[in-house]
Protein backbone atom coordinates (compact mmCIF):
# COMPACT_ATOMS: atom_id res chain seq x y z
CA UNK A 1 -44.20 84.26 97.34
CA UNK A 2 -46.25 87.07 96.18
CA UNK A 3 -49.67 87.52 96.91
CA UNK A 4 -51.24 85.52 94.21
CA UNK A 5 -54.22 84.83 94.07
CA UNK A 6 -56.15 81.74 92.97
CA UNK A 7 -57.58 82.39 89.71
CA UNK A 8 -54.16 83.92 88.84
CA UNK A 9 -52.63 80.40 89.39
CA UNK A 10 -55.03 79.29 87.74
CA UNK A 11 -54.86 81.33 84.31
CA UNK A 12 -51.34 80.77 85.20
CA UNK A 13 -51.09 76.81 84.12
CA UNK A 14 -53.19 77.28 81.91
CA UNK A 15 -50.80 78.98 79.67
CA UNK A 16 -47.68 77.41 81.11
CA UNK A 17 -45.34 75.52 78.44
CA UNK A 18 -42.93 73.45 80.28
CA UNK A 19 -39.42 72.13 78.21
CA UNK A 20 -40.19 68.05 77.75
CA UNK A 21 -37.10 67.05 76.52
CA UNK A 22 -34.19 65.50 77.72
CA UNK A 23 -31.24 67.89 78.83
CA UNK A 24 -27.73 66.55 77.74
CA UNK A 25 -24.89 68.12 76.97
CA UNK A 26 -26.31 71.49 77.07
CA UNK A 27 -29.22 70.97 74.76
CA UNK A 28 -32.85 70.33 74.83
CA UNK A 29 -33.34 66.56 72.65
CA UNK A 30 -35.56 64.28 72.11
CA UNK A 31 -35.29 60.41 72.34
CA UNK A 32 -33.68 58.70 70.20
CA UNK A 33 -36.75 56.30 68.93
CA UNK A 34 -39.05 59.38 69.74
CA UNK A 35 -40.99 57.49 72.89
CA UNK A 36 -42.61 59.91 75.12
CA UNK A 37 -44.47 59.99 78.89
CA UNK A 38 -47.22 61.55 79.96
CA UNK A 39 -47.14 63.69 82.78
CA UNK A 40 -50.33 64.27 84.20
CA UNK A 41 -51.77 66.56 87.13
CA UNK A 42 -52.85 65.11 89.93
CA UNK A 43 -54.98 68.25 90.92
CA UNK A 44 -57.07 66.95 88.22
CA UNK A 45 -56.22 63.71 86.54
CA UNK A 46 -54.92 65.84 83.06
CA UNK A 47 -52.20 65.24 80.75
CA UNK A 48 -49.94 68.93 81.45
CA UNK A 49 -46.98 67.71 78.94
CA UNK A 50 -45.42 64.41 77.42
CA UNK A 51 -41.81 64.55 78.16
CA UNK A 52 -39.45 62.69 76.21
CA UNK A 53 -38.82 59.14 78.26
CA UNK A 54 -34.93 57.44 78.02
CA UNK A 55 -34.25 54.54 76.30
CA UNK A 56 -30.29 53.20 77.22
CA UNK A 57 -29.05 55.03 74.36
CA UNK A 58 -30.35 58.33 75.48
CA UNK A 59 -28.82 57.25 78.51
CA UNK A 60 -25.40 56.25 77.17
CA UNK A 61 -26.36 59.74 75.36
CA UNK A 62 -26.18 62.35 79.03
CA UNK A 63 -23.52 59.56 80.62
CA UNK A 64 -21.45 60.49 77.36
CA UNK A 65 -21.86 63.97 78.02
CA UNK A 66 -20.81 63.82 82.12
CA UNK A 67 -17.91 61.83 81.24
CA UNK A 68 -16.46 64.46 78.50
CA UNK A 69 -17.26 67.25 80.64
CA UNK A 70 -15.32 65.69 83.47
CA UNK A 71 -12.43 64.61 81.59
CA UNK A 72 -11.69 67.03 79.58
CA UNK A 73 -14.02 70.08 80.43
CA UNK A 74 -12.95 72.45 82.22
CA UNK A 75 -15.18 72.27 85.54
CA UNK A 76 -13.64 69.75 87.68
CA UNK A 77 -10.15 71.86 87.29
CA UNK A 78 -11.63 75.28 87.81
CA UNK A 79 -11.03 77.05 91.17
CA UNK A 80 -13.10 76.44 93.68
CA UNK A 81 -13.73 79.85 93.58
CA UNK A 82 -15.42 79.68 89.81
CA UNK A 83 -17.59 76.92 90.87
CA UNK A 84 -19.03 78.84 94.34
CA UNK A 85 -19.66 82.13 91.19
CA UNK A 86 -21.07 79.89 89.03
CA UNK A 87 -23.35 78.31 91.66
CA UNK A 88 -24.32 81.16 93.01
CA UNK A 89 -25.24 82.76 89.35
CA UNK A 90 -27.32 79.51 89.40
CA UNK A 91 -29.36 80.30 92.44
CA UNK A 92 -30.31 83.41 91.75
CA UNK A 93 -31.71 82.32 88.47
CA UNK A 94 -34.00 79.73 90.92
CA UNK A 95 -34.93 82.88 92.28
CA UNK A 96 -35.81 84.75 89.53
CA UNK A 97 -37.68 81.65 88.26
CA UNK A 98 -39.72 80.73 91.50
CA UNK A 99 -43.23 81.05 90.87
CA UNK A 100 -42.44 79.51 87.33
CA UNK A 101 -40.52 76.93 89.29
CA UNK A 102 -43.15 76.54 92.35
CA UNK A 103 -46.02 76.40 89.87
CA UNK A 104 -44.49 73.32 87.81
CA UNK A 105 -43.55 71.39 91.14
CA UNK A 106 -47.27 72.09 92.58
CA UNK A 107 -48.95 70.69 88.77
CA UNK A 108 -46.81 67.80 88.82
CA UNK A 109 -46.98 65.95 92.26
CA UNK A 110 -50.29 68.13 94.03
CA UNK A 111 -48.12 70.12 96.50
CA UNK A 112 -50.16 73.48 97.78
CA UNK A 113 -48.76 75.97 96.23
CA UNK A 114 -47.85 78.37 99.25
CA UNK A 115 -45.73 74.81 100.20
CA UNK A 116 -44.05 75.03 96.98
CA UNK A 117 -43.12 77.77 97.07
CA UNK A 118 -42.26 78.70 100.65
CA UNK A 119 -40.76 74.99 101.44
CA UNK A 120 -39.44 72.99 97.85
CA UNK A 121 -38.07 76.83 96.39
CA UNK A 122 -36.53 78.16 99.89
CA UNK A 123 -34.91 74.25 100.43
CA UNK A 124 -33.68 74.77 96.64
CA UNK A 125 -32.08 78.00 96.67
CA UNK A 126 -30.59 77.62 100.48
CA UNK A 127 -28.75 74.14 99.10
CA UNK A 128 -27.37 75.86 96.37
CA UNK A 129 -25.78 78.97 97.79
CA UNK A 130 -25.11 76.79 100.55
CA UNK A 131 -22.67 74.32 98.64
CA UNK A 132 -21.25 77.41 96.85
CA UNK A 133 -20.43 78.86 99.83
CA UNK A 134 -18.71 75.75 101.07
CA UNK A 135 -16.94 74.64 97.67
CA UNK A 136 -13.66 77.05 98.40
CA UNK A 137 -13.56 75.90 101.82
CA UNK A 138 -12.83 72.35 101.65
CA UNK A 139 -9.62 71.38 103.21
CA UNK A 140 -6.56 69.16 101.95
CA UNK A 141 -4.14 67.88 104.60
CA UNK A 142 -0.67 67.09 105.05
CA UNK A 143 -0.19 64.80 107.83
CA UNK A 144 2.90 64.74 110.00
CA UNK A 145 5.21 62.48 108.82
CA UNK A 146 9.37 61.90 109.22
CA UNK A 147 11.86 64.26 108.18
CA UNK A 148 13.07 62.56 104.61
CA UNK A 149 9.04 62.72 103.20
CA UNK A 150 6.30 64.61 102.62
CA UNK A 151 2.68 63.38 102.72
CA UNK A 152 -0.29 65.30 100.72
CA UNK A 153 -4.12 63.82 101.08
CA UNK A 154 -6.33 65.19 98.90
CA UNK A 155 -10.07 65.75 97.88
CA UNK A 156 -10.72 64.91 94.39
CA UNK A 157 -13.79 64.68 92.62
CA UNK A 158 -14.91 61.59 92.12
CA UNK A 159 -16.00 61.78 88.52
CA UNK A 160 -19.93 61.48 86.95
CA UNK A 161 -22.61 60.92 89.17
CA UNK A 162 -25.83 59.39 88.58
CA UNK A 163 -28.26 61.44 91.42
CA UNK A 164 -32.08 58.95 90.99
CA UNK A 165 -34.59 61.40 93.17
CA UNK A 166 -38.53 60.52 94.14
CA UNK A 167 -41.63 62.78 92.87
CA UNK A 168 -42.43 63.91 96.85
CA UNK A 169 -39.58 66.89 96.84
CA UNK A 170 -38.80 67.06 93.23
CA UNK A 171 -36.10 70.07 93.73
CA UNK A 172 -35.72 69.82 97.38
CA UNK A 173 -34.41 66.09 96.17
CA UNK A 174 -32.74 67.08 93.64
CA UNK A 175 -30.48 69.68 95.13
CA UNK A 176 -29.16 67.38 97.42
CA UNK A 177 -27.73 65.38 95.53
CA UNK A 178 -26.65 68.09 92.90
CA UNK A 179 -25.38 70.67 94.52
CA UNK A 180 -23.29 69.27 96.52
CA UNK A 181 -21.63 67.09 93.89
CA UNK A 182 -21.30 70.04 91.86
CA UNK A 183 -19.72 72.19 94.13
CA UNK A 184 -17.21 69.14 94.95
CA UNK A 185 -16.08 69.46 90.65
CA UNK A 186 -18.24 66.44 90.20
CA UNK A 187 -20.48 66.13 86.56
CA UNK A 188 -24.08 65.12 87.48
CA UNK A 189 -26.95 62.74 85.12
CA UNK A 190 -30.32 63.52 86.68
CA UNK A 191 -33.26 61.13 86.45
CA UNK A 192 -36.39 62.71 87.79
CA UNK A 193 -39.44 60.60 89.22
CA UNK A 194 -41.48 60.27 85.99
CA UNK A 195 -44.21 61.69 87.94
CA UNK A 196 -42.16 64.81 88.30
CA UNK A 197 -39.72 65.87 85.41
CA UNK A 198 -41.10 69.29 84.36
CA UNK A 199 -39.44 71.53 87.46
CA UNK A 200 -35.79 69.22 86.86
CA UNK A 201 -35.91 70.31 83.26
CA UNK A 202 -36.53 73.94 83.73
CA UNK A 203 -33.58 73.42 86.71
CA UNK A 204 -31.76 72.01 83.98
CA UNK A 205 -32.33 75.47 81.60
CA UNK A 206 -31.33 77.58 84.12
CA UNK A 207 -28.18 75.75 85.19
CA UNK A 208 -27.01 76.83 81.29
CA UNK A 209 -28.32 80.56 81.50
CA UNK A 210 -25.88 79.94 84.49
CA UNK A 211 -23.10 79.10 81.96
CA UNK A 212 -22.46 75.96 83.39
CA UNK A 213 -20.60 74.39 81.13
CA UNK A 214 -22.36 71.27 78.26
CA UNK A 215 -22.43 68.35 80.12
CA UNK A 216 -22.04 68.99 83.68
CA UNK A 217 -25.37 68.99 84.22
CA UNK A 218 -28.08 66.55 82.50
CA UNK A 219 -31.08 65.38 82.94
CA UNK A 220 -33.11 62.66 81.50
CA UNK A 221 -36.66 61.59 82.08
CA UNK A 222 -38.44 57.92 81.99
CA UNK A 223 -39.49 55.02 84.01
CA UNK A 224 -37.50 53.67 86.65
CA UNK A 225 -36.84 50.00 85.43
CA UNK A 226 -35.37 51.35 81.70
CA UNK A 227 -34.13 54.58 82.36
CA UNK A 228 -33.28 54.38 86.20
CA UNK A 229 -31.54 50.78 86.01
CA UNK A 230 -29.65 52.14 82.30
CA UNK A 231 -28.12 54.81 84.71
CA UNK A 232 -27.22 52.34 87.37
CA UNK A 233 -26.21 49.44 85.29
CA UNK A 234 -23.80 52.12 83.26
CA UNK A 235 -20.32 51.73 83.51
CA UNK A 236 -19.63 55.00 83.61
CA UNK A 237 -21.41 56.42 86.23
CA UNK A 238 -18.97 56.53 88.85
CA UNK A 239 -21.35 57.13 92.08
CA UNK A 240 -25.35 56.52 92.22
CA UNK A 241 -27.29 58.66 94.81
CA UNK A 242 -30.84 57.97 95.15
CA UNK A 243 -33.55 58.42 97.39
CA UNK A 244 -36.64 56.40 97.10
CA UNK A 245 -38.08 53.34 98.34
CA UNK A 246 -35.95 50.44 99.86
CA UNK A 247 -36.75 47.91 97.19
CA UNK A 248 -35.62 50.09 94.36
CA UNK A 249 -32.58 50.85 96.69
CA UNK A 250 -31.63 47.85 96.79
CA UNK A 251 -31.88 47.18 92.85
CA UNK A 252 -29.21 49.65 92.87
CA UNK A 253 -26.92 47.74 94.94
CA UNK A 254 -27.78 44.99 92.38
CA UNK A 255 -26.89 46.90 89.58
CA UNK A 256 -23.73 47.88 90.88
CA UNK A 257 -22.72 44.32 91.98
CA UNK A 258 -23.42 43.61 88.54
CA UNK A 259 -21.51 46.75 86.78
CA UNK A 260 -18.75 48.27 87.63
CA UNK A 261 -19.23 48.46 91.09
CA UNK A 262 -20.18 52.02 91.17
CA UNK A 263 -20.56 53.38 95.10
CA UNK A 264 -24.27 53.63 95.68
CA UNK A 265 -25.82 56.07 98.45
CA UNK A 266 -28.98 55.71 99.57
CA UNK A 267 -32.01 57.64 100.97
CA UNK A 268 -34.89 54.96 101.42
CA UNK A 269 -38.03 54.81 103.83
CA UNK A 270 -39.25 55.36 106.95
CA UNK A 271 -41.54 54.53 109.65
CA UNK A 272 -40.77 56.89 111.90
CA UNK A 273 -41.88 57.03 115.90
CA UNK A 274 -43.25 60.43 116.85
CA UNK A 275 -42.71 59.78 121.16
CA UNK A 276 -45.21 61.90 123.32
CA UNK A 277 -44.26 61.65 127.00
CA UNK A 278 -46.74 62.54 129.89
CA UNK A 279 -44.46 65.24 130.93
CA UNK A 280 -44.22 66.91 127.50
CA UNK A 281 -44.13 70.93 127.96
CA UNK A 282 -46.88 71.33 125.22
CA UNK A 283 -49.41 68.64 124.90
CA UNK A 284 -51.70 70.58 122.51
CA UNK A 285 -48.66 71.80 120.38
CA UNK A 286 -47.52 68.22 120.91
CA UNK A 287 -50.69 67.10 119.25
CA UNK A 288 -50.65 69.62 116.44
CA UNK A 289 -46.96 69.07 115.63
CA UNK A 290 -48.42 65.10 115.28
CA UNK A 291 -51.13 65.76 112.66
CA UNK A 292 -49.10 68.59 111.10
CA UNK A 293 -46.58 66.55 110.57
CA UNK A 294 -47.98 63.44 109.06
CA UNK A 295 -50.76 65.50 106.93
CA UNK A 296 -47.85 67.46 105.55
CA UNK A 297 -47.46 67.11 101.55
CA UNK A 298 -50.22 64.40 101.90
CA UNK A 299 -48.12 62.14 104.13
CA UNK A 300 -45.93 62.09 101.04
CA UNK A 301 -42.86 61.68 103.31
CA UNK A 302 -39.88 59.66 104.17
CA UNK A 303 -39.96 60.84 107.85
CA UNK A 304 -44.00 61.65 108.36
CA UNK A 305 -44.12 60.61 111.33
CA UNK A 306 -46.70 58.15 110.72
CA UNK A 307 -46.28 55.97 114.27
CA UNK A 308 -47.17 57.89 116.75
CA UNK A 309 -46.32 56.41 120.22
CA UNK A 310 -48.32 58.09 123.29
CA UNK A 311 -48.57 57.38 127.02
CA UNK A 312 -52.03 56.04 128.06
CA UNK A 313 -52.11 58.66 130.48
CA UNK A 314 -52.63 61.60 128.04
CA UNK A 315 -53.56 59.42 124.97
CA UNK A 316 -57.16 60.51 124.67
CA UNK A 317 -56.68 64.22 124.81
CA UNK A 318 -53.62 63.85 122.53
CA UNK A 319 -56.21 61.73 119.61
CA UNK A 320 -59.20 64.17 120.47
CA UNK A 321 -57.09 66.69 119.24
CA UNK A 322 -55.42 64.93 116.28
CA UNK A 323 -58.78 63.90 115.02
CA UNK A 324 -60.34 67.38 115.54
CA UNK A 325 -57.49 68.45 113.12
CA UNK A 326 -57.86 65.80 110.59
CA UNK A 327 -61.26 66.73 110.26
CA UNK A 328 -60.91 70.27 109.63
CA UNK A 329 -58.05 69.88 107.52
CA UNK A 330 -58.39 71.73 104.27
CA UNK A 331 -57.89 69.23 101.42
CA UNK A 332 -57.96 70.98 97.51
CA UNK A 333 -56.85 72.14 94.91
CA UNK A 334 -52.97 73.19 95.15
CA UNK A 335 -53.25 76.01 93.27
CA UNK A 336 -55.66 77.28 95.87
CA UNK A 337 -53.38 79.09 98.25
CA UNK A 338 -56.12 78.39 101.57
CA UNK A 339 -55.62 74.91 100.48
CA UNK A 340 -54.14 72.90 103.40
CA UNK A 341 -53.58 69.46 102.29
CA UNK A 342 -53.40 68.69 98.21
CA UNK A 343 -53.91 65.24 96.06
CA UNK A 344 -51.35 62.26 96.19
CA UNK A 345 -49.77 62.01 93.12
CA UNK A 346 -51.36 59.79 91.54
CA UNK A 347 -54.62 57.30 91.09
CA UNK A 348 -52.59 54.36 91.99
CA UNK A 349 -50.23 55.79 94.67
CA UNK A 350 -54.13 57.03 96.16
CA UNK A 351 -55.37 53.59 95.09
CA UNK A 352 -51.81 52.25 97.30
CA UNK A 353 -52.75 53.92 100.54
CA UNK A 354 -56.12 53.09 100.68
CA UNK A 355 -55.88 49.57 100.59
CA UNK A 356 -53.60 50.31 103.92
CA UNK A 357 -56.73 51.75 105.37
CA UNK A 358 -59.22 48.42 104.48
CA UNK A 359 -55.89 46.00 105.99
CA UNK A 360 -56.30 48.49 108.99
CA UNK A 361 -59.42 47.98 109.47
CA UNK A 362 -59.36 44.04 108.47
CA UNK A 363 -56.83 43.60 111.39
CA UNK A 364 -58.34 45.46 114.31
CA UNK A 365 -57.52 48.67 114.03
CA UNK A 366 -60.36 51.37 114.91
CA UNK A 367 -60.88 53.91 112.31
CA UNK A 368 -61.49 57.50 113.73
CA UNK A 369 -61.23 59.84 111.40
CA UNK A 370 -60.70 59.99 107.24
CA UNK A 371 -60.32 56.90 105.26
CA UNK A 372 -61.88 57.27 102.01
CA UNK A 373 -61.28 58.81 98.95
CA UNK A 374 -62.92 62.74 98.20
CA UNK A 375 -65.24 62.22 95.05
CA UNK A 376 -64.28 64.55 91.74
CA UNK A 377 -61.88 64.74 89.64
CA UNK A 378 -58.62 64.26 90.88
CA UNK A 379 -56.67 62.26 93.66
CA UNK A 380 -57.60 63.71 96.66
CA UNK A 381 -58.54 61.46 100.13
CA UNK A 382 -59.02 62.56 103.79
CA UNK A 383 -56.83 62.30 106.37
CA UNK A 384 -56.92 59.65 108.20
CA UNK A 385 -56.06 58.71 111.81
CA UNK A 386 -55.96 55.11 113.21
CA UNK A 387 -56.39 53.72 117.29
CA UNK A 388 -55.91 50.85 118.73
CA UNK A 389 -53.06 50.17 116.48
CA UNK A 390 -50.79 46.82 117.43
CA UNK A 391 -47.02 46.39 116.64
CA UNK A 392 -47.02 43.59 114.51
CA UNK A 393 -50.54 45.55 112.74
CA UNK A 394 -49.08 45.78 108.70
CA UNK A 395 -49.96 49.94 109.41
CA UNK A 396 -47.70 50.25 112.32
CA UNK A 397 -44.79 48.33 110.34
CA UNK A 398 -44.57 49.18 106.32
CA UNK A 399 -44.51 52.55 104.60
CA UNK A 400 -47.75 53.69 103.68
CA UNK A 401 -46.48 56.98 102.45
CA UNK A 402 -49.48 58.75 102.52
CA UNK A 403 -51.85 60.51 105.19
CA UNK A 404 -52.30 57.73 107.60
CA UNK A 405 -51.81 57.58 111.04
CA UNK A 406 -51.49 54.97 114.18
CA UNK A 407 -51.47 55.77 117.20
CA UNK A 408 -50.15 53.26 119.66
CA UNK A 409 -49.96 53.69 123.21
CA UNK A 410 -47.59 53.02 125.68
CA UNK A 411 -46.82 52.58 130.04
CA UNK A 412 -43.38 53.66 130.25
CA UNK A 413 -40.37 55.04 128.27
CA UNK A 414 -38.68 51.40 128.33
CA UNK A 415 -41.97 50.80 126.56
CA UNK A 416 -42.02 53.57 124.12
CA UNK A 417 -38.40 53.04 122.78
CA UNK A 418 -38.74 49.24 122.53
CA UNK A 419 -42.27 50.09 120.09
CA UNK A 420 -40.12 52.86 118.08
CA UNK A 421 -37.54 50.31 117.46
CA UNK A 422 -39.35 47.63 116.54
CA UNK A 423 -38.97 48.18 113.26
CA UNK A 424 -37.19 48.01 109.66
CA UNK A 425 -36.29 51.18 109.31
CA UNK A 426 -34.59 54.11 111.24
CA UNK A 427 -34.79 57.48 109.51
CA UNK A 428 -36.36 59.87 111.73
CA UNK A 429 -37.95 59.93 115.51
CA UNK A 430 -39.06 62.03 117.93
CA UNK A 431 -39.55 62.36 121.31
CA UNK A 432 -41.71 64.90 123.82
CA UNK A 433 -40.69 65.67 127.32
CA UNK A 434 -39.71 68.19 129.63
CA UNK A 435 -37.08 66.44 131.24
CA UNK A 436 -33.54 66.88 130.40
CA UNK A 437 -31.94 63.56 131.06
CA UNK A 438 -35.08 61.76 129.52
CA UNK A 439 -34.74 63.56 126.18
CA UNK A 440 -30.74 62.71 126.18
CA UNK A 441 -31.40 58.89 127.24
CA UNK A 442 -34.39 58.19 125.03
CA UNK A 443 -32.70 59.98 121.63
CA UNK A 444 -29.25 57.94 122.51
CA UNK A 445 -31.43 54.58 122.71
CA UNK A 446 -33.18 55.42 119.44
CA UNK A 447 -32.14 53.98 116.51
CA UNK A 448 -32.46 56.56 113.82
CA UNK A 449 -30.65 59.49 111.87
CA UNK A 450 -32.37 62.15 113.04
CA UNK A 451 -33.92 62.63 116.30
CA UNK A 452 -35.59 65.44 117.00
CA UNK A 453 -36.63 66.71 120.42
CA UNK A 454 -40.02 68.94 121.18
CA UNK A 455 -40.02 69.15 117.74
CA UNK A 456 -40.04 67.61 114.19
CA UNK A 457 -39.04 68.22 110.90
CA UNK A 458 -36.73 70.55 112.27
CA UNK A 459 -33.53 71.79 110.80
CA UNK A 460 -30.90 73.48 108.45
CA UNK A 461 -28.10 72.31 105.63
CA UNK A 462 -25.83 72.94 108.59
CA UNK A 463 -27.12 69.12 109.92
CA UNK A 464 -26.78 65.74 107.73
CA UNK A 465 -29.40 63.42 107.04
CA UNK A 466 -29.94 60.17 106.82
CA UNK A 467 -31.01 56.99 107.83
CA UNK A 468 -30.01 53.93 110.05
CA UNK A 469 -30.89 50.37 108.98
CA UNK A 470 -32.88 49.76 105.76
CA UNK A 471 -33.37 53.69 105.51
CA UNK A 472 -29.54 53.87 103.51
CA UNK A 473 -26.40 54.78 103.97
CA UNK A 474 -24.68 57.67 103.53
CA UNK A 475 -26.43 61.27 104.09
CA UNK A 476 -27.19 64.26 102.12
CA UNK A 477 -27.08 67.96 103.28
CA UNK A 478 -24.43 69.48 105.45
CA UNK A 479 -20.18 69.18 104.82
CA UNK A 480 -20.23 65.17 105.64
CA UNK A 481 -22.67 64.92 102.18
CA UNK A 482 -19.77 66.18 100.26
CA UNK A 483 -17.81 62.86 101.04
CA UNK A 484 -19.81 61.39 98.75
CA UNK A 485 -18.52 62.93 95.69
CA UNK A 486 -15.23 63.28 96.46
CA UNK A 487 -12.00 60.51 96.84
CA UNK A 488 -8.77 61.13 99.09
CA UNK A 489 -5.74 60.80 97.19
CA UNK A 490 -2.78 60.39 99.14
CA UNK A 491 0.59 61.56 97.89
CA UNK A 492 4.04 60.47 99.24
CA UNK A 493 6.92 62.96 98.82
CA UNK A 494 10.47 61.14 99.11
CA UNK A 495 12.42 64.54 100.22
């Protein structure tokens, strides 16, 4: 990101005129009934735009456009190298408009501007380019058969994909669905979260500029219970790819069961354990990473290491360092490049997080940092740390989705693994140790889709991401993500 000062970001925010219609069939359009949805900036609570709010009729239009583009249009019939070229054009345009997109993300969901550019936009661009390069490298199969036959196994795009993504990483999560689906030859209807539609609409405009055929990439805005449900129930949708809460994930499974039995791929919640053994190679680094992990993105992350499991012999040292970091963290306006933690996405989300602080205190945990809102405009709260947490407490079991850390102590590795796995979720986990054997044994014992050793939130597009248990099914990222958007066809030829 260029070295843009705080005052300039604020001035750009005042001048910004975001797109507000649905993007259907290559054009921006209002809702059929004229309904709109306000978008408020969590930095100060002000409404910054009113976007079209889709009802079932608008979803019908978007799915019909995607259906025509798939059934009759060129996209699924293009040579894979041509889809690759189109996605690379889109990535180049995102790079051109990088600062505008970062500003939109920062305004609509409160992500600090440096992270919006350095993490969110980097992820979007990298994902588009990665799947663009993968598009022409998929291999079909010809199994060996007898001398009188020839067998072919071909990978074919599944059809229309409904992608429903959350507000915490609005462009990253969209890219993880949209990029592999488009690379596979599918068409897409994207429903961004109602809190964060502006960046998705700008991405749709860039897709049109990149000359993706009309109807290949559509965006409809609206509330989950209306727009998301209409998309989940629509018989013209072949696959739904959803990232969000476990509760809403269950609804999409019901929508599919009651409609056309479409496949539903789910990336859901988490309550991720972060285990620090006494032989961690650098205890200070482990503590600093634990603090960074839970306060990054204001804790609004499904992989947030919200349960810190630390060996009793080193717990005091680790806790002291985390508390010091929590108290020194710079919380403020996300448009200020010096801000380290921005606001929560909405007043309702902050109130929800604060209710967990009350529950933790009521159940006997010891509040050692934060736990209070910050007065003034916007939805800010102080980074929060609880010590003396017991496994049965709500703050140790339920996904809070905010900057709240629960610290639990253990006496041996076996107890740490039991505590780590004592959850309905299984999205991510970490272990810190200098013992290679312990690293392998604990990693294998943890029931989680991703396990980090001596780090957290590391990785790239080459590795899959997804969860065990109630954290979902299927995988985003890597070549494995393409499997969600491809059907296998067997052709048996008698010679």
